[in-house]
Each structure stands twice: as structure tokens, then as C-alpha cells.
């Protein structure tokens, strides 16, 4: 598990937003399609933006798990994060995930929370996309979105996005993204110290 986290961290240091290269996208139905979406710093997405229709809309679902209530369980292949409620129920959110080659699994905890987090693209990302700003203050045009949950000591986060149309796709560099309205809702339900289980396969 630690090796998986270390490998993912070494590949993409704090990159967390779409790579300009074409990326493989997946849905819960396992249908795959190719996207070619670049970064759009400055594009405004308000905190009211949510996924309101389709499989990625926030909803209460049946979910069998041995994890205690309050645990976050991320299923990369399905493009969902589940907030375990107990009694075989969970609150499910649609997410965007890392593209092929940077997806990872492991057990971490929420180590920090931030509202409208700042964004500092690392040198590796700037080398690939020299047009990106070196620093961008938090706000509606920031690719990190309205809220962020920092995952342990890794460089990865669960965060919002100013590109809600990317939810359900595999195009980030290892972070997990929700539409702003959905990450705000999750943020209010998840305290620092919350257990986060990241799984690469489908749920049982």
C-alpha cells in the first residue's frame, strides 16, 4: 500500500488538475472514451455547481462495507466516493480521477481542510504547460475549486474543480475532484482525521 502511494507521488508531484494530453475516461458502466481537455485557470465555476442528473449525481445508495460510519471509500474504477453511513448505506458522489498510469490505492486520513485553496503548480507541471501561472490565489476561477481535503502526507487531495464537465472521467494527475457544490457538501460532513480508503477495483 505504501509502495503504491510512493509510486504515485513520485510520478506526479502535486499536479491534481487535467493534463493536456488525451486521457482515458471511464464511467460506472465501464464505457471508455478519450478526452483531450486542457487546463483552464481563470474559468469561473461557482460554488452552486453540482452534478444534478445521471449516475454521478449525489445520492444515498445501498453500500455494503465493513468500514465504520464516517469513512470515505473511493472507488477509482467506478468514479465514485462513498461516505459510509452505516446499515449498508452510503452517500455517493461522482468524482473525476487520475488518468491511466497515475491512479493509486491506499489507506490515508484527511490531514487538513481548506476553503478556496491556493494553487501552486509544481515545476514538473510548468515544464509540460509553460502557460500556467506560477501561483493562483483561491477563488471561483482556481482549478482547485471551492474546497480541498488533503490526504495524509501525500500530495493528493479530494477537491473541487472549475471544470465540472470532467466529473466521471480519468483526466487528473492523481487527485479526486468533485463539482464545487458537491465538495462543499462533503466538506461539511468530513472532519480532519477521517479515514479514507482508496480502492482501484469495483465495490463489492
N, C-alpha and C. Protein backbone atom coordinates (compact mmCIF):
# COMPACT_ATOMS: atom_id res chain seq x y z
N UNK A 1 0.83 -1.20 0.00
CA UNK A 1 0.00 0.00 0.00
C UNK A 1 0.87 1.26 0.00
N UNK A 2 1.93 1.24 0.87
CA UNK A 2 2.83 2.38 0.91
C UNK A 2 3.59 2.52 -0.40
N UNK A 3 3.94 1.37 -1.00
CA UNK A 3 4.63 1.44 -2.29
C UNK A 3 3.77 2.06 -3.35
N UNK A 4 2.47 1.74 -3.33
CA UNK A 4 1.56 2.33 -4.32
C UNK A 4 1.48 3.83 -4.15
N UNK A 5 1.40 4.28 -2.89
CA UNK A 5 1.34 5.72 -2.63
C UNK A 5 2.63 6.39 -3.06
N UNK A 6 3.77 5.76 -2.74
CA UNK A 6 5.05 6.36 -3.08
C UNK A 6 5.23 6.44 -4.58
N UNK A 7 4.82 5.39 -5.28
CA UNK A 7 4.95 5.40 -6.75
C UNK A 7 4.12 6.49 -7.36
N UNK A 8 2.89 6.63 -6.89
CA UNK A 8 2.01 7.66 -7.43
C UNK A 8 2.56 9.04 -7.13
N UNK A 9 3.10 9.23 -5.92
CA UNK A 9 3.63 10.53 -5.53
C UNK A 9 4.83 10.88 -6.38
N UNK A 10 5.68 9.89 -6.66
CA UNK A 10 6.85 10.17 -7.46
C UNK A 10 6.53 10.52 -8.88
N UNK A 11 5.45 9.99 -9.40
CA UNK A 11 5.08 10.25 -10.79
C UNK A 11 4.56 11.65 -11.00
N UNK A 12 3.68 12.09 -10.08
CA UNK A 12 3.04 13.39 -10.29
C UNK A 12 3.03 14.16 -8.98
N UNK A 13 3.95 15.09 -8.83
CA UNK A 13 4.06 15.85 -7.59
C UNK A 13 3.06 16.99 -7.59
N UNK A 14 2.03 16.83 -6.79
CA UNK A 14 1.03 17.87 -6.55
C UNK A 14 0.34 18.35 -7.80
N UNK A 15 0.19 17.53 -8.82
CA UNK A 15 -0.32 18.01 -10.09
C UNK A 15 -1.82 18.08 -10.15
N UNK A 16 -2.61 17.24 -9.76
CA UNK A 16 -4.02 17.32 -9.39
C UNK A 16 -5.01 17.96 -10.34
N UNK A 17 -4.62 18.47 -11.48
CA UNK A 17 -5.57 19.05 -12.42
C UNK A 17 -5.32 18.44 -13.79
N UNK A 18 -6.18 18.64 -14.78
CA UNK A 18 -6.07 17.89 -16.03
C UNK A 18 -4.74 18.07 -16.73
N UNK A 19 -4.22 16.99 -17.28
CA UNK A 19 -3.03 17.05 -18.12
C UNK A 19 -3.50 17.33 -19.54
N UNK A 20 -2.77 18.10 -20.34
CA UNK A 20 -3.24 18.43 -21.67
C UNK A 20 -3.27 17.24 -22.62
N UNK A 21 -2.53 16.19 -22.32
CA UNK A 21 -2.56 15.01 -23.18
C UNK A 21 -3.92 14.35 -23.11
N UNK A 22 -4.27 13.65 -24.16
CA UNK A 22 -5.55 12.92 -24.16
C UNK A 22 -5.55 11.93 -23.02
N UNK A 23 -6.68 11.81 -22.32
CA UNK A 23 -6.76 10.95 -21.15
C UNK A 23 -7.94 10.02 -21.28
N UNK A 24 -7.78 8.84 -20.68
CA UNK A 24 -8.84 7.85 -20.76
C UNK A 24 -9.90 8.16 -19.73
N UNK A 25 -11.15 8.09 -20.12
CA UNK A 25 -12.25 8.38 -19.20
C UNK A 25 -13.06 7.12 -18.99
N UNK A 26 -13.64 6.99 -17.79
CA UNK A 26 -14.44 5.81 -17.50
C UNK A 26 -15.72 6.18 -16.80
N UNK A 27 -16.73 5.35 -16.94
CA UNK A 27 -17.99 5.54 -16.25
C UNK A 27 -18.28 4.30 -15.44
N UNK A 28 -19.32 4.38 -14.58
CA UNK A 28 -19.67 3.24 -13.75
C UNK A 28 -20.05 2.05 -14.62
N UNK A 29 -20.52 2.30 -15.81
CA UNK A 29 -20.90 1.22 -16.73
C UNK A 29 -19.69 0.62 -17.44
N UNK A 30 -18.49 1.14 -17.14
CA UNK A 30 -17.21 0.71 -17.71
C UNK A 30 -17.05 1.12 -19.17
N UNK A 31 -17.93 1.99 -19.69
CA UNK A 31 -17.76 2.53 -21.03
C UNK A 31 -16.57 3.49 -21.02
N UNK A 32 -15.66 3.35 -21.97
CA UNK A 32 -14.47 4.19 -22.03
C UNK A 32 -14.55 5.14 -23.21
N UNK A 33 -14.06 6.35 -23.00
CA UNK A 33 -13.97 7.30 -24.09
C UNK A 33 -12.73 8.15 -23.86
N UNK A 34 -12.20 8.73 -24.93
CA UNK A 34 -10.99 9.52 -24.84
C UNK A 34 -11.33 11.00 -24.84
N UNK A 35 -10.74 11.72 -23.89
CA UNK A 35 -10.93 13.16 -23.80
C UNK A 35 -9.61 13.86 -24.06
N UNK A 36 -9.68 15.05 -24.56
CA UNK A 36 -8.50 15.89 -24.72
C UNK A 36 -8.86 17.26 -24.17
N UNK A 37 -8.74 17.40 -22.86
CA UNK A 37 -9.15 18.63 -22.18
C UNK A 37 -7.94 19.24 -21.50
N UNK A 38 -7.66 20.49 -21.80
CA UNK A 38 -6.54 21.18 -21.18
C UNK A 38 -6.97 21.93 -19.94
N UNK A 39 -5.98 22.44 -19.21
CA UNK A 39 -6.26 23.22 -18.02
C UNK A 39 -6.89 24.55 -18.39
N UNK A 40 -7.77 25.04 -17.53
CA UNK A 40 -8.43 26.31 -17.78
C UNK A 40 -8.41 27.20 -16.55
N UNK A 41 -7.21 27.60 -16.09
CA UNK A 41 -7.16 28.53 -14.96
C UNK A 41 -7.85 29.83 -15.34
N UNK A 42 -8.67 30.33 -14.44
CA UNK A 42 -9.41 31.55 -14.70
C UNK A 42 -10.84 31.30 -15.12
N UNK A 43 -11.16 30.10 -15.56
CA UNK A 43 -12.54 29.78 -15.89
C UNK A 43 -13.36 29.72 -14.60
N UNK A 44 -14.47 30.41 -14.58
CA UNK A 44 -15.26 30.54 -13.35
C UNK A 44 -16.29 29.42 -13.24
N UNK A 45 -16.29 28.76 -12.10
CA UNK A 45 -17.33 27.80 -11.75
C UNK A 45 -17.76 28.12 -10.33
N UNK A 46 -19.01 28.48 -10.14
CA UNK A 46 -19.48 28.94 -8.84
C UNK A 46 -19.64 27.78 -7.86
N UNK A 47 -19.82 28.14 -6.61
CA UNK A 47 -19.97 27.12 -5.57
C UNK A 47 -21.30 26.40 -5.66
N UNK A 48 -22.21 26.89 -6.49
CA UNK A 48 -23.50 26.22 -6.64
C UNK A 48 -23.45 25.08 -7.66
N UNK A 49 -22.36 24.98 -8.42
CA UNK A 49 -22.28 23.96 -9.46
C UNK A 49 -22.31 22.56 -8.87
N UNK A 50 -23.27 21.74 -9.30
CA UNK A 50 -23.38 20.36 -8.85
C UNK A 50 -23.69 19.47 -10.05
N UNK A 51 -23.48 18.18 -9.86
CA UNK A 51 -23.94 17.20 -10.84
C UNK A 51 -25.33 16.80 -10.39
N UNK A 52 -26.35 17.23 -11.12
CA UNK A 52 -27.73 17.06 -10.67
C UNK A 52 -28.46 15.91 -11.35
N UNK A 53 -27.92 15.37 -12.44
CA UNK A 53 -28.59 14.30 -13.17
C UNK A 53 -27.57 13.22 -13.54
N UNK A 54 -28.09 12.02 -13.82
CA UNK A 54 -27.24 10.93 -14.26
C UNK A 54 -26.59 10.18 -13.11
N UNK A 55 -25.73 9.23 -13.42
CA UNK A 55 -25.15 8.36 -12.38
C UNK A 55 -24.23 9.09 -11.41
N UNK A 56 -23.69 10.24 -11.80
CA UNK A 56 -22.74 10.93 -10.94
C UNK A 56 -23.39 11.96 -10.03
N UNK A 57 -24.71 12.04 -10.04
CA UNK A 57 -25.41 12.94 -9.13
C UNK A 57 -25.29 12.42 -7.70
N UNK A 58 -25.14 13.33 -6.74
CA UNK A 58 -25.07 12.95 -5.33
C UNK A 58 -26.34 12.24 -4.91
N UNK A 59 -26.21 11.09 -4.25
CA UNK A 59 -27.39 10.35 -3.84
C UNK A 59 -27.07 9.33 -2.76
N UNK A 60 -28.08 8.97 -1.98
CA UNK A 60 -27.95 7.90 -0.98
C UNK A 60 -28.12 6.57 -1.71
N UNK A 61 -27.22 5.61 -1.42
CA UNK A 61 -27.23 4.34 -2.12
C UNK A 61 -27.00 3.19 -1.13
N UNK A 62 -27.36 1.98 -1.57
CA UNK A 62 -27.02 0.77 -0.84
C UNK A 62 -25.53 0.54 -1.00
N UNK A 63 -24.83 0.26 0.10
CA UNK A 63 -23.38 0.10 0.03
C UNK A 63 -22.92 -0.80 1.16
N UNK A 64 -22.49 -2.00 0.81
CA UNK A 64 -22.01 -2.94 1.81
C UNK A 64 -20.55 -2.64 2.13
N UNK A 65 -20.26 -2.47 3.39
CA UNK A 65 -18.89 -2.16 3.78
C UNK A 65 -18.67 -2.53 5.24
N UNK A 66 -17.46 -2.97 5.55
CA UNK A 66 -17.07 -3.24 6.93
C UNK A 66 -16.47 -2.01 7.59
N UNK A 67 -16.38 -0.92 6.83
CA UNK A 67 -15.81 0.31 7.37
C UNK A 67 -16.82 1.00 8.28
N UNK A 68 -16.36 1.67 9.33
CA UNK A 68 -17.29 2.34 10.24
C UNK A 68 -17.91 3.57 9.60
N UNK A 69 -19.08 3.99 10.09
CA UNK A 69 -19.71 5.21 9.57
C UNK A 69 -18.74 6.40 9.65
N UNK A 70 -18.80 7.24 8.63
CA UNK A 70 -17.92 8.39 8.56
C UNK A 70 -16.69 8.16 7.70
N UNK A 71 -16.40 6.90 7.34
CA UNK A 71 -15.26 6.59 6.48
C UNK A 71 -15.56 7.01 5.04
N UNK A 72 -14.55 7.51 4.35
CA UNK A 72 -14.65 7.78 2.92
C UNK A 72 -14.02 6.61 2.17
N UNK A 73 -14.77 6.05 1.23
CA UNK A 73 -14.26 4.96 0.39
C UNK A 73 -14.31 5.43 -1.06
N UNK A 74 -13.15 5.49 -1.69
CA UNK A 74 -13.05 5.94 -3.08
C UNK A 74 -12.84 4.74 -3.98
N UNK A 75 -13.71 4.59 -5.00
CA UNK A 75 -13.55 3.54 -6.00
C UNK A 75 -13.16 4.21 -7.31
N UNK A 76 -11.86 4.12 -7.62
CA UNK A 76 -11.34 4.79 -8.81
C UNK A 76 -12.01 4.30 -10.09
N UNK A 77 -12.17 3.00 -10.23
CA UNK A 77 -12.73 2.45 -11.46
C UNK A 77 -14.17 2.89 -11.69
N UNK A 78 -14.93 3.04 -10.60
CA UNK A 78 -16.33 3.42 -10.70
C UNK A 78 -16.54 4.92 -10.82
N UNK A 79 -15.53 5.71 -10.42
CA UNK A 79 -15.62 7.17 -10.40
C UNK A 79 -16.59 7.66 -9.31
N UNK A 80 -16.51 7.03 -8.13
CA UNK A 80 -17.36 7.42 -7.01
C UNK A 80 -16.56 7.50 -5.73
N UNK A 81 -16.96 8.42 -4.85
CA UNK A 81 -16.52 8.40 -3.46
C UNK A 81 -17.77 8.19 -2.61
N UNK A 82 -17.66 7.27 -1.66
CA UNK A 82 -18.77 6.92 -0.78
C UNK A 82 -18.46 7.40 0.63
N UNK A 83 -19.40 8.11 1.24
CA UNK A 83 -19.32 8.45 2.66
C UNK A 83 -20.20 7.44 3.40
N UNK A 84 -19.54 6.52 4.11
CA UNK A 84 -20.25 5.42 4.75
C UNK A 84 -21.18 5.95 5.84
N UNK A 85 -22.43 5.51 5.80
CA UNK A 85 -23.44 5.95 6.76
C UNK A 85 -23.80 4.87 7.78
N UNK A 86 -23.44 3.63 7.51
CA UNK A 86 -23.85 2.53 8.36
C UNK A 86 -25.11 1.88 7.82
N UNK A 87 -25.45 0.69 8.35
CA UNK A 87 -26.65 -0.04 7.92
C UNK A 87 -26.67 -0.26 6.41
N UNK A 88 -25.49 -0.54 5.84
CA UNK A 88 -25.37 -0.80 4.40
C UNK A 88 -25.84 0.36 3.54
N UNK A 89 -25.62 1.56 4.01
CA UNK A 89 -25.97 2.75 3.25
C UNK A 89 -24.76 3.68 3.17
N UNK A 90 -24.75 4.49 2.12
CA UNK A 90 -23.70 5.48 1.97
C UNK A 90 -24.22 6.64 1.14
N UNK A 91 -23.60 7.78 1.31
CA UNK A 91 -23.87 8.93 0.45
C UNK A 91 -22.81 8.90 -0.64
N UNK A 92 -23.24 8.86 -1.89
CA UNK A 92 -22.33 8.68 -3.01
C UNK A 92 -22.22 9.95 -3.85
N UNK A 93 -20.97 10.28 -4.20
CA UNK A 93 -20.68 11.45 -5.04
C UNK A 93 -19.91 11.00 -6.27
N UNK A 94 -20.23 11.59 -7.42
CA UNK A 94 -19.44 11.34 -8.62
C UNK A 94 -18.15 12.13 -8.56
N UNK A 95 -17.08 11.53 -9.03
CA UNK A 95 -15.76 12.17 -8.98
C UNK A 95 -15.03 12.02 -10.31
N UNK A 96 -14.05 12.88 -10.52
CA UNK A 96 -13.06 12.69 -11.56
C UNK A 96 -11.81 12.12 -10.90
N UNK A 97 -11.08 11.28 -11.61
CA UNK A 97 -9.94 10.58 -11.03
C UNK A 97 -8.69 10.75 -11.89
N UNK A 98 -7.59 10.18 -11.41
CA UNK A 98 -6.34 10.23 -12.14
C UNK A 98 -6.40 9.43 -13.43
N UNK A 99 -5.69 9.91 -14.42
CA UNK A 99 -5.65 9.20 -15.70
C UNK A 99 -4.84 7.92 -15.56
N UNK A 100 -4.88 7.08 -16.57
CA UNK A 100 -4.14 5.82 -16.56
C UNK A 100 -2.66 6.08 -16.29
N UNK A 101 -2.09 5.29 -15.40
CA UNK A 101 -0.68 5.42 -15.07
C UNK A 101 -0.42 6.18 -13.79
N UNK A 102 -1.41 6.96 -13.32
CA UNK A 102 -1.22 7.71 -12.07
C UNK A 102 -2.31 7.40 -11.05
N UNK A 103 -3.18 6.46 -11.35
CA UNK A 103 -4.17 6.05 -10.37
C UNK A 103 -3.47 5.25 -9.27
N UNK A 104 -4.00 5.33 -8.07
CA UNK A 104 -3.32 4.71 -6.95
C UNK A 104 -4.34 4.19 -5.95
N UNK A 105 -3.87 3.40 -5.00
CA UNK A 105 -4.73 2.89 -3.93
C UNK A 105 -3.96 2.97 -2.63
N UNK A 106 -4.71 2.96 -1.52
CA UNK A 106 -4.05 3.04 -0.23
C UNK A 106 -5.00 3.45 0.87
N UNK A 107 -4.46 3.58 2.05
CA UNK A 107 -5.22 3.97 3.24
C UNK A 107 -4.58 5.22 3.82
N UNK A 108 -5.34 6.30 3.89
CA UNK A 108 -4.84 7.57 4.41
C UNK A 108 -5.90 8.20 5.32
N UNK A 109 -5.59 9.35 5.85
CA UNK A 109 -6.57 10.12 6.62
C UNK A 109 -6.61 11.55 6.11
N UNK A 110 -7.72 12.22 6.32
CA UNK A 110 -7.81 13.63 5.99
C UNK A 110 -6.94 14.38 6.99
N UNK A 111 -5.88 15.01 6.50
CA UNK A 111 -4.92 15.67 7.38
C UNK A 111 -5.16 17.17 7.50
N UNK A 112 -5.88 17.73 6.55
CA UNK A 112 -6.15 19.17 6.57
C UNK A 112 -7.33 19.48 5.67
N UNK A 113 -7.99 20.59 5.93
CA UNK A 113 -9.09 21.06 5.10
C UNK A 113 -8.85 22.53 4.75
N UNK A 114 -9.30 22.93 3.56
CA UNK A 114 -9.11 24.32 3.16
C UNK A 114 -10.28 24.77 2.29
N UNK A 115 -10.69 26.01 2.49
CA UNK A 115 -11.72 26.63 1.66
C UNK A 115 -11.05 27.47 0.58
N UNK A 116 -11.51 27.32 -0.65
CA UNK A 116 -10.95 28.03 -1.80
C UNK A 116 -9.41 28.03 -1.73
N UNK A 117 -8.81 26.84 -1.80
CA UNK A 117 -7.36 26.74 -1.65
C UNK A 117 -6.59 27.41 -2.78
N UNK A 118 -5.40 27.92 -2.43
CA UNK A 118 -4.49 28.46 -3.44
C UNK A 118 -3.93 27.31 -4.27
N UNK A 119 -3.37 27.66 -5.41
CA UNK A 119 -2.79 26.67 -6.31
C UNK A 119 -1.40 27.11 -6.73
N UNK A 120 -0.43 26.22 -6.54
CA UNK A 120 0.95 26.45 -6.96
C UNK A 120 1.39 25.27 -7.83
N UNK A 121 1.30 25.41 -9.14
CA UNK A 121 1.73 24.30 -9.99
C UNK A 121 3.20 23.99 -9.75
N UNK A 122 3.55 22.70 -9.57
CA UNK A 122 4.96 22.35 -9.36
C UNK A 122 5.76 22.50 -10.63
N UNK A 123 7.10 22.52 -10.52
CA UNK A 123 7.95 22.69 -11.70
C UNK A 123 7.68 21.67 -12.80
N UNK A 124 7.36 20.42 -12.40
CA UNK A 124 7.11 19.39 -13.39
C UNK A 124 5.91 19.73 -14.27
N UNK A 125 4.89 20.31 -13.67
CA UNK A 125 3.70 20.68 -14.44
C UNK A 125 3.98 21.90 -15.31
N UNK A 126 4.70 22.86 -14.78
CA UNK A 126 5.03 24.05 -15.56
C UNK A 126 5.89 23.69 -16.76
N UNK A 127 6.77 22.69 -16.59
CA UNK A 127 7.61 22.25 -17.71
C UNK A 127 6.76 21.71 -18.85
N UNK A 128 5.66 21.05 -18.49
CA UNK A 128 4.78 20.49 -19.52
C UNK A 128 3.83 21.55 -20.08
N UNK A 129 3.45 22.50 -19.23
CA UNK A 129 2.46 23.51 -19.61
C UNK A 129 2.99 24.89 -19.21
N UNK A 130 3.93 25.43 -19.95
CA UNK A 130 4.59 26.68 -19.55
C UNK A 130 3.65 27.88 -19.48
N UNK A 131 2.46 27.78 -20.04
CA UNK A 131 1.50 28.88 -19.99
C UNK A 131 0.82 29.00 -18.64
N UNK A 132 0.96 28.02 -17.77
CA UNK A 132 0.26 28.05 -16.48
C UNK A 132 0.85 29.11 -15.56
N UNK A 133 0.01 29.71 -14.71
CA UNK A 133 0.53 30.67 -13.73
C UNK A 133 1.39 29.96 -12.69
N UNK A 134 2.34 30.67 -12.11
CA UNK A 134 3.19 30.08 -11.08
C UNK A 134 2.48 30.05 -9.73
N UNK A 135 1.49 30.90 -9.58
CA UNK A 135 0.67 30.91 -8.37
C UNK A 135 -0.70 31.45 -8.73
N UNK A 136 -1.71 30.87 -8.14
CA UNK A 136 -3.07 31.37 -8.35
C UNK A 136 -3.81 31.33 -7.03
N UNK A 137 -4.27 32.49 -6.59
CA UNK A 137 -4.99 32.57 -5.33
C UNK A 137 -6.32 31.82 -5.45
N UNK A 138 -6.78 31.31 -4.34
CA UNK A 138 -8.05 30.60 -4.33
C UNK A 138 -9.19 31.49 -4.77
N UNK A 139 -10.18 30.89 -5.42
CA UNK A 139 -11.33 31.64 -5.90
C UNK A 139 -12.08 30.84 -6.95
N UNK A 140 -13.18 31.38 -7.46
CA UNK A 140 -14.02 30.65 -8.42
C UNK A 140 -13.31 30.23 -9.70
N UNK A 141 -12.22 30.93 -10.09
CA UNK A 141 -11.50 30.57 -11.29
C UNK A 141 -10.33 29.63 -11.06
N UNK A 142 -10.13 29.21 -9.82
CA UNK A 142 -9.00 28.36 -9.49
C UNK A 142 -9.32 26.89 -9.80
N UNK A 143 -8.43 26.17 -10.49
CA UNK A 143 -8.69 24.76 -10.80
C UNK A 143 -8.86 23.87 -9.58
N UNK A 144 -8.43 24.32 -8.40
CA UNK A 144 -8.60 23.52 -7.19
C UNK A 144 -10.03 23.60 -6.64
N UNK A 145 -10.82 24.53 -7.14
CA UNK A 145 -12.22 24.60 -6.74
C UNK A 145 -12.46 25.20 -5.38
N UNK A 146 -13.66 24.92 -4.85
CA UNK A 146 -14.15 25.61 -3.66
C UNK A 146 -13.61 25.07 -2.34
N UNK A 147 -13.25 23.80 -2.30
CA UNK A 147 -12.78 23.19 -1.06
C UNK A 147 -11.75 22.12 -1.39
N UNK A 148 -10.93 21.78 -0.38
CA UNK A 148 -9.96 20.70 -0.55
C UNK A 148 -9.82 19.93 0.75
N UNK A 149 -9.76 18.61 0.63
CA UNK A 149 -9.46 17.71 1.73
C UNK A 149 -8.09 17.10 1.42
N UNK A 150 -7.10 17.39 2.24
CA UNK A 150 -5.74 16.92 2.00
C UNK A 150 -5.59 15.51 2.56
N UNK A 151 -4.95 14.63 1.79
CA UNK A 151 -4.90 13.22 2.12
C UNK A 151 -3.56 12.84 2.73
N UNK A 152 -3.53 12.73 4.05
CA UNK A 152 -2.33 12.33 4.77
C UNK A 152 -1.15 13.21 4.45
N UNK A 153 0.01 12.57 4.28
CA UNK A 153 1.24 13.30 3.93
C UNK A 153 1.51 13.24 2.43
N UNK A 154 0.54 12.73 1.66
CA UNK A 154 0.72 12.66 0.21
C UNK A 154 0.49 14.03 -0.42
N UNK A 155 0.73 14.12 -1.71
CA UNK A 155 0.47 15.36 -2.44
C UNK A 155 -0.96 15.38 -2.99
N UNK A 156 -1.74 14.36 -2.70
CA UNK A 156 -3.06 14.22 -3.30
C UNK A 156 -4.15 14.81 -2.42
N UNK A 157 -5.25 15.20 -3.09
CA UNK A 157 -6.37 15.83 -2.40
C UNK A 157 -7.69 15.38 -3.02
N UNK A 158 -8.73 15.53 -2.24
CA UNK A 158 -10.09 15.50 -2.77
C UNK A 158 -10.48 16.96 -2.84
N UNK A 159 -10.82 17.46 -4.01
CA UNK A 159 -11.04 18.90 -4.14
C UNK A 159 -12.12 19.20 -5.17
N UNK A 160 -12.45 20.47 -5.27
CA UNK A 160 -13.43 20.91 -6.26
C UNK A 160 -12.78 21.09 -7.62
N UNK A 161 -13.52 21.71 -8.53
CA UNK A 161 -12.98 21.94 -9.87
C UNK A 161 -13.73 23.08 -10.54
N UNK A 162 -13.04 23.78 -11.41
CA UNK A 162 -13.72 24.79 -12.24
C UNK A 162 -14.11 24.20 -13.60
N UNK A 163 -14.01 22.88 -13.72
CA UNK A 163 -14.42 22.17 -14.93
C UNK A 163 -15.33 20.99 -14.55
N UNK A 164 -16.55 21.27 -14.11
CA UNK A 164 -17.43 20.19 -13.64
C UNK A 164 -17.77 19.15 -14.70
N UNK A 165 -17.60 19.48 -15.97
CA UNK A 165 -17.88 18.51 -17.03
C UNK A 165 -16.87 17.36 -17.04
N UNK A 166 -15.80 17.47 -16.28
CA UNK A 166 -14.81 16.40 -16.22
C UNK A 166 -15.14 15.35 -15.16
N UNK A 167 -16.20 15.56 -14.38
CA UNK A 167 -16.60 14.55 -13.39
C UNK A 167 -16.98 13.26 -14.12
N UNK A 168 -16.51 12.14 -13.60
CA UNK A 168 -16.77 10.86 -14.24
C UNK A 168 -15.67 10.43 -15.19
N UNK A 169 -14.65 11.27 -15.36
CA UNK A 169 -13.58 10.96 -16.29
C UNK A 169 -12.24 10.78 -15.57
N UNK A 170 -11.32 10.14 -16.26
CA UNK A 170 -9.97 9.92 -15.73
C UNK A 170 -9.03 10.86 -16.45
N UNK A 171 -8.83 12.05 -15.88
CA UNK A 171 -8.01 13.03 -16.58
C UNK A 171 -7.12 13.85 -15.66
N UNK A 172 -7.19 13.63 -14.34
CA UNK A 172 -6.35 14.38 -13.42
C UNK A 172 -4.99 13.70 -13.28
N UNK A 173 -4.15 14.25 -12.41
CA UNK A 173 -2.83 13.67 -12.19
C UNK A 173 -2.75 12.95 -10.84
N UNK A 174 -3.88 12.43 -10.39
CA UNK A 174 -3.88 11.60 -9.19
C UNK A 174 -4.83 12.04 -8.10
N UNK A 175 -5.30 13.30 -8.15
CA UNK A 175 -6.26 13.79 -7.16
C UNK A 175 -7.67 13.36 -7.56
N UNK A 176 -8.61 13.59 -6.65
CA UNK A 176 -10.01 13.26 -6.88
C UNK A 176 -10.82 14.55 -6.81
N UNK A 177 -11.63 14.81 -7.83
CA UNK A 177 -12.33 16.08 -7.92
C UNK A 177 -13.84 15.88 -7.92
N UNK A 178 -14.53 16.84 -7.33
CA UNK A 178 -15.98 16.89 -7.33
C UNK A 178 -16.40 18.26 -7.84
N UNK A 179 -17.62 18.36 -8.33
CA UNK A 179 -18.17 19.67 -8.65
C UNK A 179 -18.19 20.50 -7.36
N UNK A 180 -18.07 21.81 -7.49
CA UNK A 180 -17.93 22.67 -6.32
C UNK A 180 -19.04 22.48 -5.29
N UNK A 181 -20.29 22.42 -5.74
CA UNK A 181 -21.39 22.26 -4.80
C UNK A 181 -21.30 20.94 -4.04
N UNK A 182 -20.79 19.91 -4.71
CA UNK A 182 -20.66 18.60 -4.07
C UNK A 182 -19.49 18.54 -3.10
N UNK A 183 -18.36 19.16 -3.44
CA UNK A 183 -17.24 19.14 -2.50
C UNK A 183 -17.58 19.99 -1.27
N UNK A 184 -18.34 21.05 -1.44
CA UNK A 184 -18.77 21.84 -0.28
C UNK A 184 -19.64 21.01 0.64
N UNK A 185 -20.56 20.23 0.07
CA UNK A 185 -21.41 19.37 0.88
C UNK A 185 -20.57 18.32 1.62
N UNK A 186 -19.64 17.67 0.90
CA UNK A 186 -18.80 16.66 1.53
C UNK A 186 -17.91 17.28 2.60
N UNK A 187 -17.39 18.45 2.33
CA UNK A 187 -16.51 19.16 3.26
C UNK A 187 -17.18 19.38 4.61
N UNK A 188 -18.46 19.69 4.58
CA UNK A 188 -19.18 19.94 5.84
C UNK A 188 -19.41 18.66 6.64
N UNK A 189 -19.33 17.52 6.00
CA UNK A 189 -19.61 16.24 6.64
C UNK A 189 -18.36 15.50 7.11
N UNK A 190 -17.19 15.95 6.68
CA UNK A 190 -15.95 15.19 6.91
C UNK A 190 -14.97 16.00 7.75
N UNK A 191 -14.69 15.56 8.97
CA UNK A 191 -13.71 16.27 9.80
C UNK A 191 -12.27 15.83 9.52
N UNK A 192 -11.32 16.62 9.96
CA UNK A 192 -9.92 16.22 9.91
C UNK A 192 -9.77 14.92 10.72
N UNK A 193 -8.98 14.00 10.20
CA UNK A 193 -8.79 12.71 10.85
C UNK A 193 -9.63 11.60 10.25
N UNK A 194 -10.55 11.96 9.34
CA UNK A 194 -11.40 10.96 8.70
C UNK A 194 -10.57 9.93 7.94
N UNK A 195 -10.92 8.66 8.11
CA UNK A 195 -10.26 7.58 7.38
C UNK A 195 -10.70 7.59 5.93
N UNK A 196 -9.73 7.45 5.01
CA UNK A 196 -10.01 7.43 3.57
C UNK A 196 -9.40 6.17 2.99
N UNK A 197 -10.25 5.36 2.37
CA UNK A 197 -9.81 4.12 1.72
C UNK A 197 -9.90 4.33 0.22
N UNK A 198 -8.78 4.22 -0.47
CA UNK A 198 -8.75 4.38 -1.93
C UNK A 198 -8.59 3.01 -2.56
N UNK A 199 -9.56 2.61 -3.36
CA UNK A 199 -9.54 1.29 -4.00
C UNK A 199 -9.51 1.46 -5.50
N UNK A 200 -8.76 0.58 -6.15
CA UNK A 200 -8.62 0.66 -7.60
C UNK A 200 -9.68 -0.16 -8.32
N UNK A 201 -10.25 -1.15 -7.63
CA UNK A 201 -11.24 -2.01 -8.27
C UNK A 201 -12.65 -1.60 -7.94
N UNK A 202 -13.62 -2.39 -8.40
CA UNK A 202 -15.04 -2.10 -8.16
C UNK A 202 -15.42 -2.49 -6.75
N UNK A 203 -16.52 -1.90 -6.28
CA UNK A 203 -17.03 -2.23 -4.94
C UNK A 203 -17.67 -3.60 -4.95
N UNK A 204 -17.81 -4.18 -3.76
CA UNK A 204 -18.42 -5.50 -3.63
C UNK A 204 -19.91 -5.39 -3.56
